[in-house]
Amino acid sequence: AILLTAAIIVSRSQLRLRESEARYKTLVENPGQAIVVIQDGLIRYANPAMAALGGYEAQEIDGRLFLELVHPDDRCQLVESYQNRPASLESYTPVYQIRCLAKDGGILWTEVHPIPIEWAGQPATLCFISDITVQVEIKAALRESETKHRKIFENIQDVFYQADLNGIYTEISPSVEKII
């Protein structure tokens, strides 16, 4: 009876362990969010989304120096951020943007959310990484468009003005000075 009870307890424990592993796999390996654990500068864990971010296979980045995946111009920023991080989460809320290198040589803009953790009994950093390349390109295009239209507005020969619903001028082109 004691052996049967022990076998039932072990069986339930194994079932709970399998369920826990299944939940872990669902949470960590399936999201579109790239997740990586960095310890001593090396990638100790990367979920499939992290590998896919730069067009790599998981085995190509496992154990690799994380800095090798970072654009050379952004490596100092990354090292500085790492060196200045506190040991606890209480005062740690940085988010930074860095460029990463894709396998094909392309550049990806990423937003990194690092969190200090313990991995295999040693300090490490858990990073959630999002591809923000499209957003960065849209912002750059918007800035370029605004600059172009500002130049046109400031150099137009005719008077251009904009008024609100109350008839109050909100913007008048500088050419009004020549006419007045």
N, C-alpha and C. Protein backbone atom coordinates (compact mmCIF):
# COMPACT_ATOMS: atom_id res chain seq x y z
N ALA A 1 0.81 -1.19 0.00
CA ALA A 1 0.00 0.00 0.00
C ALA A 1 0.86 1.25 0.00
N ILE A 2 1.97 1.22 0.75
CA ILE A 2 2.87 2.38 0.81
C ILE A 2 3.51 2.60 -0.56
N LEU A 3 3.93 1.50 -1.22
CA LEU A 3 4.54 1.62 -2.55
C LEU A 3 3.53 2.14 -3.56
N LEU A 4 2.29 1.69 -3.47
CA LEU A 4 1.24 2.16 -4.38
C LEU A 4 0.99 3.65 -4.18
N THR A 5 0.93 4.10 -2.92
CA THR A 5 0.72 5.51 -2.62
C THR A 5 1.89 6.34 -3.14
N ALA A 6 3.12 5.86 -2.94
CA ALA A 6 4.31 6.57 -3.43
C ALA A 6 4.30 6.65 -4.95
N ALA A 7 3.89 5.58 -5.62
CA ALA A 7 3.82 5.57 -7.08
C ALA A 7 2.78 6.57 -7.58
N ILE A 8 1.65 6.67 -6.89
CA ILE A 8 0.61 7.63 -7.27
C ILE A 8 1.12 9.05 -7.10
N ILE A 9 1.83 9.32 -6.00
CA ILE A 9 2.38 10.67 -5.76
C ILE A 9 3.40 11.02 -6.83
N VAL A 10 4.28 10.08 -7.17
CA VAL A 10 5.29 10.31 -8.22
C VAL A 10 4.60 10.54 -9.56
N SER A 11 3.59 9.75 -9.87
CA SER A 11 2.86 9.88 -11.12
C SER A 11 2.20 11.26 -11.22
N ARG A 12 1.58 11.72 -10.13
CA ARG A 12 0.95 13.06 -10.12
C ARG A 12 2.00 14.15 -10.28
N SER A 13 3.13 13.97 -9.62
CA SER A 13 4.22 14.96 -9.73
C SER A 13 4.73 15.03 -11.16
N GLN A 14 4.88 13.88 -11.80
CA GLN A 14 5.34 13.86 -13.19
C GLN A 14 4.32 14.52 -14.11
N LEU A 15 3.05 14.29 -13.85
CA LEU A 15 1.99 14.91 -14.64
C LEU A 15 2.02 16.43 -14.48
N ARG A 16 2.17 16.90 -13.24
CA ARG A 16 2.25 18.35 -13.00
C ARG A 16 3.48 18.95 -13.67
N LEU A 17 4.59 18.22 -13.63
CA LEU A 17 5.81 18.68 -14.27
C LEU A 17 5.62 18.80 -15.78
N ARG A 18 4.99 17.81 -16.41
CA ARG A 18 4.73 17.87 -17.85
C ARG A 18 3.80 19.04 -18.19
N GLU A 19 2.77 19.24 -17.36
CA GLU A 19 1.86 20.37 -17.57
C GLU A 19 2.59 21.69 -17.45
N SER A 20 3.47 21.79 -16.46
CA SER A 20 4.25 23.00 -16.25
C SER A 20 5.17 23.26 -17.44
N GLU A 21 5.81 22.21 -17.94
CA GLU A 21 6.69 22.34 -19.11
C GLU A 21 5.89 22.77 -20.34
N ALA A 22 4.69 22.24 -20.50
CA ALA A 22 3.83 22.62 -21.64
C ALA A 22 3.44 24.09 -21.55
N ARG A 23 3.10 24.56 -20.34
CA ARG A 23 2.77 25.98 -20.16
C ARG A 23 3.97 26.86 -20.47
N TYR A 24 5.14 26.44 -19.99
CA TYR A 24 6.38 27.19 -20.25
C TYR A 24 6.61 27.29 -21.76
N LYS A 25 6.50 26.18 -22.44
CA LYS A 25 6.74 26.17 -23.89
C LYS A 25 5.76 27.09 -24.61
N THR A 26 4.50 27.05 -24.21
CA THR A 26 3.48 27.92 -24.81
C THR A 26 3.82 29.39 -24.57
N LEU A 27 4.23 29.73 -23.36
CA LEU A 27 4.50 31.13 -23.02
C LEU A 27 5.78 31.67 -23.64
N VAL A 28 6.82 30.87 -23.68
CA VAL A 28 8.13 31.36 -24.07
C VAL A 28 8.50 31.09 -25.52
N GLU A 29 8.11 29.96 -26.04
CA GLU A 29 8.57 29.61 -27.37
C GLU A 29 7.61 29.99 -28.49
N ASN A 30 6.37 30.31 -28.18
CA ASN A 30 5.40 30.58 -29.24
C ASN A 30 5.07 32.04 -29.50
N PRO A 31 5.37 32.98 -28.62
CA PRO A 31 4.95 34.35 -28.92
C PRO A 31 5.77 34.96 -30.04
N GLY A 32 5.25 36.02 -30.63
CA GLY A 32 6.00 36.75 -31.65
C GLY A 32 7.10 37.59 -31.03
N GLN A 33 7.10 37.71 -29.73
CA GLN A 33 8.09 38.49 -28.99
C GLN A 33 9.40 37.70 -28.90
N ALA A 34 10.50 38.33 -29.29
CA ALA A 34 11.80 37.70 -29.17
C ALA A 34 12.23 37.74 -27.71
N ILE A 35 12.70 36.60 -27.21
CA ILE A 35 13.15 36.49 -25.83
C ILE A 35 14.54 35.86 -25.84
N VAL A 36 15.45 36.48 -25.09
CA VAL A 36 16.82 35.98 -25.03
C VAL A 36 17.35 36.15 -23.61
N VAL A 37 18.16 35.19 -23.18
CA VAL A 37 18.86 35.29 -21.90
C VAL A 37 20.34 35.44 -22.23
N ILE A 38 20.93 36.51 -21.69
CA ILE A 38 22.34 36.80 -21.93
C ILE A 38 23.07 36.69 -20.59
N GLN A 39 24.14 35.93 -20.60
CA GLN A 39 24.94 35.75 -19.39
C GLN A 39 26.41 35.79 -19.80
N ASP A 40 27.17 36.64 -19.13
CA ASP A 40 28.59 36.82 -19.45
C ASP A 40 28.77 37.17 -20.93
N GLY A 41 27.82 37.92 -21.48
CA GLY A 41 27.89 38.36 -22.87
C GLY A 41 27.45 37.32 -23.89
N LEU A 42 27.20 36.10 -23.42
CA LEU A 42 26.82 35.01 -24.33
C LEU A 42 25.32 34.77 -24.30
N ILE A 43 24.78 34.37 -25.43
CA ILE A 43 23.37 34.00 -25.50
C ILE A 43 23.24 32.60 -24.91
N ARG A 44 22.56 32.52 -23.77
CA ARG A 44 22.37 31.23 -23.09
C ARG A 44 21.05 30.59 -23.48
N TYR A 45 20.08 31.41 -23.87
CA TYR A 45 18.79 30.91 -24.34
C TYR A 45 18.22 31.93 -25.31
N ALA A 46 17.65 31.44 -26.39
CA ALA A 46 16.94 32.29 -27.33
C ALA A 46 15.72 31.51 -27.82
N ASN A 47 14.56 32.16 -27.74
CA ASN A 47 13.36 31.48 -28.24
C ASN A 47 13.35 31.54 -29.77
N PRO A 48 12.50 30.76 -30.41
CA PRO A 48 12.47 30.75 -31.88
C PRO A 48 12.25 32.14 -32.50
N ALA A 49 11.48 33.00 -31.83
CA ALA A 49 11.24 34.35 -32.37
C ALA A 49 12.53 35.17 -32.39
N MET A 50 13.41 34.95 -31.42
CA MET A 50 14.69 35.66 -31.39
C MET A 50 15.55 35.23 -32.57
N ALA A 51 15.61 33.94 -32.81
CA ALA A 51 16.41 33.45 -33.94
C ALA A 51 15.83 33.97 -35.26
N ALA A 52 14.52 33.89 -35.40
CA ALA A 52 13.87 34.31 -36.63
C ALA A 52 14.00 35.81 -36.88
N LEU A 53 14.14 36.58 -35.81
CA LEU A 53 14.24 38.04 -35.94
C LEU A 53 15.29 38.45 -36.96
N GLY A 54 16.44 37.80 -36.90
CA GLY A 54 17.51 38.13 -37.83
C GLY A 54 17.71 37.12 -38.93
N GLY A 55 16.78 36.17 -39.06
CA GLY A 55 16.89 35.17 -40.11
C GLY A 55 17.84 34.04 -39.78
N TYR A 56 18.09 33.83 -38.49
CA TYR A 56 18.99 32.77 -38.05
C TYR A 56 18.22 31.50 -37.69
N GLU A 57 18.95 30.42 -37.56
CA GLU A 57 18.45 29.20 -36.94
C GLU A 57 18.86 29.28 -35.48
N ALA A 58 18.08 28.66 -34.59
CA ALA A 58 18.36 28.74 -33.15
C ALA A 58 19.79 28.29 -32.83
N GLN A 59 20.27 27.23 -33.45
CA GLN A 59 21.60 26.72 -33.15
C GLN A 59 22.71 27.67 -33.60
N GLU A 60 22.39 28.59 -34.52
CA GLU A 60 23.39 29.55 -34.99
C GLU A 60 23.66 30.66 -33.96
N ILE A 61 22.71 30.90 -33.08
CA ILE A 61 22.92 31.98 -32.11
C ILE A 61 23.11 31.47 -30.69
N ASP A 62 22.81 30.22 -30.44
CA ASP A 62 22.98 29.65 -29.10
C ASP A 62 24.46 29.63 -28.74
N GLY A 63 24.82 30.26 -27.61
CA GLY A 63 26.21 30.32 -27.16
C GLY A 63 27.04 31.40 -27.82
N ARG A 64 26.45 32.14 -28.71
CA ARG A 64 27.16 33.19 -29.44
C ARG A 64 27.24 34.46 -28.60
N LEU A 65 28.25 35.29 -28.84
CA LEU A 65 28.33 36.58 -28.19
C LEU A 65 27.18 37.45 -28.69
N PHE A 66 26.41 38.01 -27.78
CA PHE A 66 25.28 38.83 -28.17
C PHE A 66 25.74 40.05 -28.96
N LEU A 67 26.89 40.61 -28.59
CA LEU A 67 27.40 41.81 -29.28
C LEU A 67 27.64 41.56 -30.77
N GLU A 68 27.88 40.31 -31.15
CA GLU A 68 28.07 40.00 -32.57
C GLU A 68 26.80 40.26 -33.38
N LEU A 69 25.65 40.25 -32.72
CA LEU A 69 24.38 40.48 -33.40
C LEU A 69 23.98 41.95 -33.39
N VAL A 70 24.78 42.78 -32.73
CA VAL A 70 24.48 44.20 -32.58
C VAL A 70 25.32 45.02 -33.56
N HIS A 71 24.70 46.02 -34.16
CA HIS A 71 25.41 46.91 -35.09
C HIS A 71 26.63 47.51 -34.37
N PRO A 72 27.79 47.56 -35.03
CA PRO A 72 29.01 48.08 -34.38
C PRO A 72 28.84 49.47 -33.75
N ASP A 73 28.04 50.34 -34.37
CA ASP A 73 27.85 51.69 -33.82
C ASP A 73 27.02 51.71 -32.54
N ASP A 74 26.33 50.62 -32.24
CA ASP A 74 25.46 50.57 -31.05
C ASP A 74 26.04 49.72 -29.92
N ARG A 75 27.18 49.11 -30.16
CA ARG A 75 27.76 48.20 -29.16
C ARG A 75 28.16 48.94 -27.88
N CYS A 76 28.75 50.12 -28.01
CA CYS A 76 29.15 50.89 -26.81
C CYS A 76 27.94 51.22 -25.95
N GLN A 77 26.84 51.65 -26.58
CA GLN A 77 25.61 51.96 -25.85
C GLN A 77 25.12 50.74 -25.09
N LEU A 78 25.16 49.59 -25.71
CA LEU A 78 24.69 48.37 -25.09
C LEU A 78 25.57 47.98 -23.91
N VAL A 79 26.89 48.05 -24.08
CA VAL A 79 27.82 47.71 -22.99
C VAL A 79 27.65 48.69 -21.84
N GLU A 80 27.50 49.98 -22.15
CA GLU A 80 27.31 50.99 -21.11
C GLU A 80 26.01 50.74 -20.34
N SER A 81 24.95 50.41 -21.03
CA SER A 81 23.68 50.12 -20.38
C SER A 81 23.82 48.92 -19.46
N TYR A 82 24.52 47.91 -19.92
CA TYR A 82 24.72 46.70 -19.12
C TYR A 82 25.53 47.01 -17.86
N GLN A 83 26.59 47.78 -18.02
CA GLN A 83 27.45 48.10 -16.88
C GLN A 83 26.77 48.98 -15.85
N ASN A 84 25.83 49.80 -16.28
CA ASN A 84 25.15 50.72 -15.37
C ASN A 84 23.87 50.16 -14.78
N ARG A 85 23.53 48.93 -15.09
CA ARG A 85 22.28 48.36 -14.57
C ARG A 85 22.42 48.02 -13.10
N PRO A 86 21.39 48.29 -12.33
CA PRO A 86 21.42 47.91 -10.91
C PRO A 86 21.20 46.41 -10.75
N ALA A 87 21.53 45.91 -9.58
CA ALA A 87 21.39 44.48 -9.33
C ALA A 87 19.94 44.07 -9.08
N SER A 88 19.09 45.02 -8.69
CA SER A 88 17.70 44.66 -8.40
C SER A 88 16.75 45.30 -9.40
N LEU A 89 15.54 44.79 -9.44
CA LEU A 89 14.52 45.30 -10.35
C LEU A 89 13.87 46.59 -9.85
N GLU A 90 14.03 46.91 -8.58
CA GLU A 90 13.32 48.04 -7.98
C GLU A 90 13.54 49.35 -8.74
N SER A 91 14.77 49.61 -9.14
CA SER A 91 15.04 50.88 -9.81
C SER A 91 15.46 50.65 -11.26
N TYR A 92 15.05 49.55 -11.84
CA TYR A 92 15.52 49.20 -13.18
C TYR A 92 14.37 49.19 -14.18
N THR A 93 14.28 50.24 -14.97
CA THR A 93 13.22 50.29 -15.98
C THR A 93 13.71 50.83 -17.33
N PRO A 94 14.93 50.48 -17.74
CA PRO A 94 15.38 51.03 -19.02
C PRO A 94 14.77 50.31 -20.20
N VAL A 95 14.60 51.04 -21.24
CA VAL A 95 14.22 50.49 -22.53
C VAL A 95 15.09 51.24 -23.51
N TYR A 96 15.74 50.55 -24.39
CA TYR A 96 16.60 51.25 -25.33
C TYR A 96 16.45 50.65 -26.72
N GLN A 97 16.86 51.45 -27.68
CA GLN A 97 16.79 51.02 -29.07
C GLN A 97 18.19 50.79 -29.59
N ILE A 98 18.38 49.66 -30.24
CA ILE A 98 19.65 49.35 -30.88
C ILE A 98 19.38 48.73 -32.24
N ARG A 99 20.38 48.82 -33.09
CA ARG A 99 20.30 48.16 -34.39
C ARG A 99 20.95 46.79 -34.28
N CYS A 100 20.27 45.80 -34.81
CA CYS A 100 20.80 44.44 -34.83
C CYS A 100 21.14 44.05 -36.26
N LEU A 101 22.06 43.12 -36.39
CA LEU A 101 22.49 42.66 -37.70
C LEU A 101 21.77 41.37 -38.05
N ALA A 102 21.15 41.36 -39.20
CA ALA A 102 20.48 40.15 -39.69
C ALA A 102 21.51 39.25 -40.36
N LYS A 103 21.19 38.00 -40.49
CA LYS A 103 22.08 37.04 -41.11
C LYS A 103 22.45 37.45 -42.53
N ASP A 104 21.49 38.05 -43.25
CA ASP A 104 21.72 38.45 -44.64
C ASP A 104 22.46 39.78 -44.76
N GLY A 105 22.89 40.35 -43.63
CA GLY A 105 23.62 41.62 -43.64
C GLY A 105 22.74 42.84 -43.45
N GLY A 106 21.43 42.63 -43.42
CA GLY A 106 20.51 43.75 -43.22
C GLY A 106 20.56 44.26 -41.78
N ILE A 107 19.97 45.43 -41.59
CA ILE A 107 19.94 46.05 -40.27
C ILE A 107 18.50 46.12 -39.80
N LEU A 108 18.28 45.71 -38.56
CA LEU A 108 16.96 45.76 -37.93
C LEU A 108 17.03 46.71 -36.74
N TRP A 109 16.07 47.61 -36.65
CA TRP A 109 15.95 48.43 -35.46
C TRP A 109 15.16 47.63 -34.44
N THR A 110 15.66 47.58 -33.22
CA THR A 110 14.98 46.82 -32.18
C THR A 110 14.83 47.65 -30.92
N GLU A 111 13.80 47.32 -30.16
CA GLU A 111 13.60 47.92 -28.84
C GLU A 111 13.83 46.81 -27.83
N VAL A 112 14.72 47.05 -26.88
CA VAL A 112 15.13 46.03 -25.93
C VAL A 112 14.64 46.40 -24.53
N HIS A 113 13.99 45.45 -23.89
CA HIS A 113 13.53 45.59 -22.50
C HIS A 113 14.32 44.57 -21.67
N PRO A 114 15.44 44.99 -21.05
CA PRO A 114 16.24 44.05 -20.27
C PRO A 114 15.79 43.96 -18.81
N ILE A 115 15.90 42.78 -18.25
CA ILE A 115 15.54 42.55 -16.85
C ILE A 115 16.64 41.69 -16.22
N PRO A 116 17.25 42.16 -15.12
CA PRO A 116 18.26 41.31 -14.47
C PRO A 116 17.59 40.09 -13.82
N ILE A 117 18.18 38.93 -14.05
CA ILE A 117 17.66 37.69 -13.48
C ILE A 117 18.83 36.83 -13.00
N GLU A 118 18.49 35.70 -12.45
CA GLU A 118 19.49 34.68 -12.12
C GLU A 118 19.24 33.51 -13.04
N TRP A 119 20.30 33.01 -13.67
CA TRP A 119 20.20 31.89 -14.61
C TRP A 119 21.27 30.88 -14.21
N ALA A 120 20.85 29.70 -13.89
CA ALA A 120 21.77 28.64 -13.45
C ALA A 120 22.63 29.12 -12.28
N GLY A 121 22.01 29.89 -11.38
CA GLY A 121 22.69 30.34 -10.18
C GLY A 121 23.62 31.52 -10.36
N GLN A 122 23.64 32.12 -11.55
CA GLN A 122 24.54 33.25 -11.83
C GLN A 122 23.73 34.42 -12.39
N PRO A 123 24.22 35.67 -12.21
CA PRO A 123 23.52 36.83 -12.77
C PRO A 123 23.43 36.75 -14.30
N ALA A 124 22.31 37.16 -14.81
CA ALA A 124 22.08 37.17 -16.26
C ALA A 124 21.08 38.28 -16.57
N THR A 125 20.81 38.45 -17.85
CA THR A 125 19.83 39.45 -18.28
C THR A 125 18.82 38.78 -19.20
N LEU A 126 17.56 38.92 -18.84
CA LEU A 126 16.46 38.45 -19.67
C LEU A 126 16.02 39.64 -20.52
N CYS A 127 16.04 39.49 -21.83
CA CYS A 127 15.67 40.59 -22.72
C CYS A 127 14.47 40.22 -23.57
N PHE A 128 13.53 41.15 -23.61
CA PHE A 128 12.39 41.05 -24.52
C PHE A 128 12.71 42.03 -25.64
N ILE A 129 12.75 41.54 -26.87
CA ILE A 129 13.20 42.34 -28.00
C ILE A 129 12.11 42.41 -29.05
N SER A 130 11.80 43.64 -29.47
CA SER A 130 10.77 43.86 -30.49
C SER A 130 11.41 44.49 -31.72
N ASP A 131 10.99 44.05 -32.88
CA ASP A 131 11.43 44.64 -34.15
C ASP A 131 10.64 45.91 -34.38
N ILE A 132 11.32 47.05 -34.38
CA ILE A 132 10.65 48.34 -34.59
C ILE A 132 11.13 49.01 -35.88
N THR A 133 11.69 48.22 -36.78
CA THR A 133 12.23 48.75 -38.03
C THR A 133 11.19 49.57 -38.79
N VAL A 134 9.99 49.05 -38.92
CA VAL A 134 8.95 49.75 -39.68
C VAL A 134 8.63 51.09 -39.02
N GLN A 135 8.48 51.10 -37.70
CA GLN A 135 8.17 52.35 -36.99
C GLN A 135 9.28 53.38 -37.18
N VAL A 136 10.55 52.95 -37.10
CA VAL A 136 11.68 53.86 -37.28
C VAL A 136 11.68 54.42 -38.70
N GLU A 137 11.41 53.57 -39.68
CA GLU A 137 11.38 54.04 -41.08
C GLU A 137 10.22 55.01 -41.30
N ILE A 138 9.07 54.75 -40.69
CA ILE A 138 7.93 55.66 -40.82
C ILE A 138 8.25 57.01 -40.19
N LYS A 139 8.86 57.02 -39.02
CA LYS A 139 9.23 58.28 -38.36
C LYS A 139 10.23 59.06 -39.20
N ALA A 140 11.20 58.38 -39.80
CA ALA A 140 12.19 59.04 -40.65
C ALA A 140 11.52 59.65 -41.88
N ALA A 141 10.59 58.90 -42.49
CA ALA A 141 9.86 59.42 -43.66
C ALA A 141 9.00 60.62 -43.27
N LEU A 142 8.39 60.57 -42.10
CA LEU A 142 7.57 61.68 -41.63
C LEU A 142 8.42 62.92 -41.40
N ARG A 143 9.58 62.74 -40.75
CA ARG A 143 10.49 63.89 -40.53
C ARG A 143 10.92 64.50 -41.86
N GLU A 144 11.25 63.64 -42.83
CA GLU A 144 11.67 64.12 -44.14
C GLU A 144 10.55 64.89 -44.82
N SER A 145 9.33 64.37 -44.74
CA SER A 145 8.18 65.04 -45.33
C SER A 145 7.92 66.39 -44.65
N GLU A 146 8.00 66.41 -43.32
CA GLU A 146 7.79 67.66 -42.60
C GLU A 146 8.84 68.70 -42.97
N THR A 147 10.09 68.28 -43.10
CA THR A 147 11.18 69.19 -43.49
C THR A 147 10.92 69.75 -44.88
N LYS A 148 10.53 68.88 -45.80
CA LYS A 148 10.25 69.30 -47.18
C LYS A 148 9.11 70.33 -47.20
N HIS A 149 8.03 70.03 -46.50
CA HIS A 149 6.89 70.95 -46.51
C HIS A 149 7.18 72.24 -45.76
N ARG A 150 7.99 72.19 -44.73
CA ARG A 150 8.38 73.40 -44.00
C ARG A 150 9.19 74.30 -44.91
N LYS A 151 10.10 73.74 -45.71
CA LYS A 151 10.90 74.53 -46.66
C LYS A 151 10.00 75.19 -47.70
N ILE A 152 9.04 74.44 -48.21
CA ILE A 152 8.09 75.00 -49.18
C ILE A 152 7.31 76.13 -48.54
N PHE A 153 6.80 75.91 -47.35
CA PHE A 153 6.00 76.91 -46.64
C PHE A 153 6.80 78.18 -46.39
N GLU A 154 8.04 78.03 -45.99
CA GLU A 154 8.86 79.20 -45.66
C GLU A 154 9.34 79.95 -46.90
N ASN A 155 9.35 79.32 -48.07
CA ASN A 155 9.87 79.96 -49.28
C ASN A 155 8.81 80.26 -50.33
N ILE A 156 7.58 79.96 -50.07
CA ILE A 156 6.51 80.22 -51.03
C ILE A 156 6.36 81.73 -51.25
N GLN A 157 6.10 82.14 -52.48
CA GLN A 157 5.97 83.56 -52.81
C GLN A 157 4.59 84.10 -52.46
N ASP A 158 3.58 83.26 -52.58
CA ASP A 158 2.23 83.68 -52.23
C ASP A 158 2.05 83.58 -50.72
N VAL A 159 1.00 84.22 -50.23
CA VAL A 159 0.72 84.13 -48.80
C VAL A 159 -0.14 82.90 -48.57
N PHE A 160 0.30 82.13 -47.64
CA PHE A 160 -0.46 80.97 -47.22
C PHE A 160 -0.80 81.18 -45.76
N TYR A 161 -2.05 80.92 -45.42
CA TYR A 161 -2.43 81.03 -44.01
C TYR A 161 -3.40 79.92 -43.67
N GLN A 162 -3.47 79.69 -42.37
CA GLN A 162 -4.39 78.69 -41.85
C GLN A 162 -5.09 79.33 -40.66
N ALA A 163 -6.41 79.15 -40.60
CA ALA A 163 -7.19 79.72 -39.50
C ALA A 163 -8.02 78.63 -38.86
N ASP A 164 -8.31 78.83 -37.57
CA ASP A 164 -9.17 77.86 -36.88
C ASP A 164 -10.64 78.22 -37.12
N LEU A 165 -11.56 77.50 -36.51
CA LEU A 165 -12.98 77.72 -36.73
C LEU A 165 -13.47 79.07 -36.23
N ASN A 166 -12.71 79.71 -35.36
CA ASN A 166 -13.07 81.04 -34.85
C ASN A 166 -12.48 82.16 -35.69
N GLY A 167 -11.81 81.79 -36.79
CA GLY A 167 -11.23 82.81 -37.66
C GLY A 167 -9.88 83.32 -37.17
N ILE A 168 -9.31 82.69 -36.20
CA ILE A 168 -8.01 83.10 -35.67
C ILE A 168 -6.92 82.42 -36.49
N TYR A 169 -5.96 83.23 -36.99
CA TYR A 169 -4.87 82.67 -37.78
C TYR A 169 -3.98 81.81 -36.90
N THR A 170 -3.76 80.59 -37.34
CA THR A 170 -2.88 79.69 -36.58
C THR A 170 -1.51 79.56 -37.24
N GLU A 171 -1.45 79.93 -38.54
CA GLU A 171 -0.18 79.85 -39.24
C GLU A 171 -0.25 80.78 -40.46
N ILE A 172 0.82 81.53 -40.65
CA ILE A 172 0.91 82.42 -41.81
C ILE A 172 2.31 82.29 -42.38
N SER A 173 2.41 82.17 -43.70
CA SER A 173 3.72 82.01 -44.33
C SER A 173 4.53 83.30 -44.18
N PRO A 174 5.85 83.18 -44.09
CA PRO A 174 6.71 84.36 -43.94
C PRO A 174 6.59 85.35 -45.10
N SER A 175 6.09 84.90 -46.25
CA SER A 175 5.97 85.79 -47.42
C SER A 175 4.99 86.94 -47.17
N VAL A 176 4.17 86.84 -46.14
CA VAL A 176 3.23 87.91 -45.81
C VAL A 176 3.98 89.21 -45.48
N GLU A 177 5.18 89.10 -44.95
CA GLU A 177 5.98 90.28 -44.60
C GLU A 177 6.32 91.11 -45.85
N LYS A 178 6.58 90.43 -46.96
CA LYS A 178 6.92 91.13 -48.21
C LYS A 178 5.70 91.87 -48.76
N ILE A 179 4.54 91.27 -48.61
CA ILE A 179 3.33 91.85 -49.16
C ILE A 179 2.84 93.02 -48.31
N ILE A 180 2.94 92.87 -47.02
CA ILE A 180 2.46 93.94 -46.11
C ILE A 180 3.47 95.04 -46.11
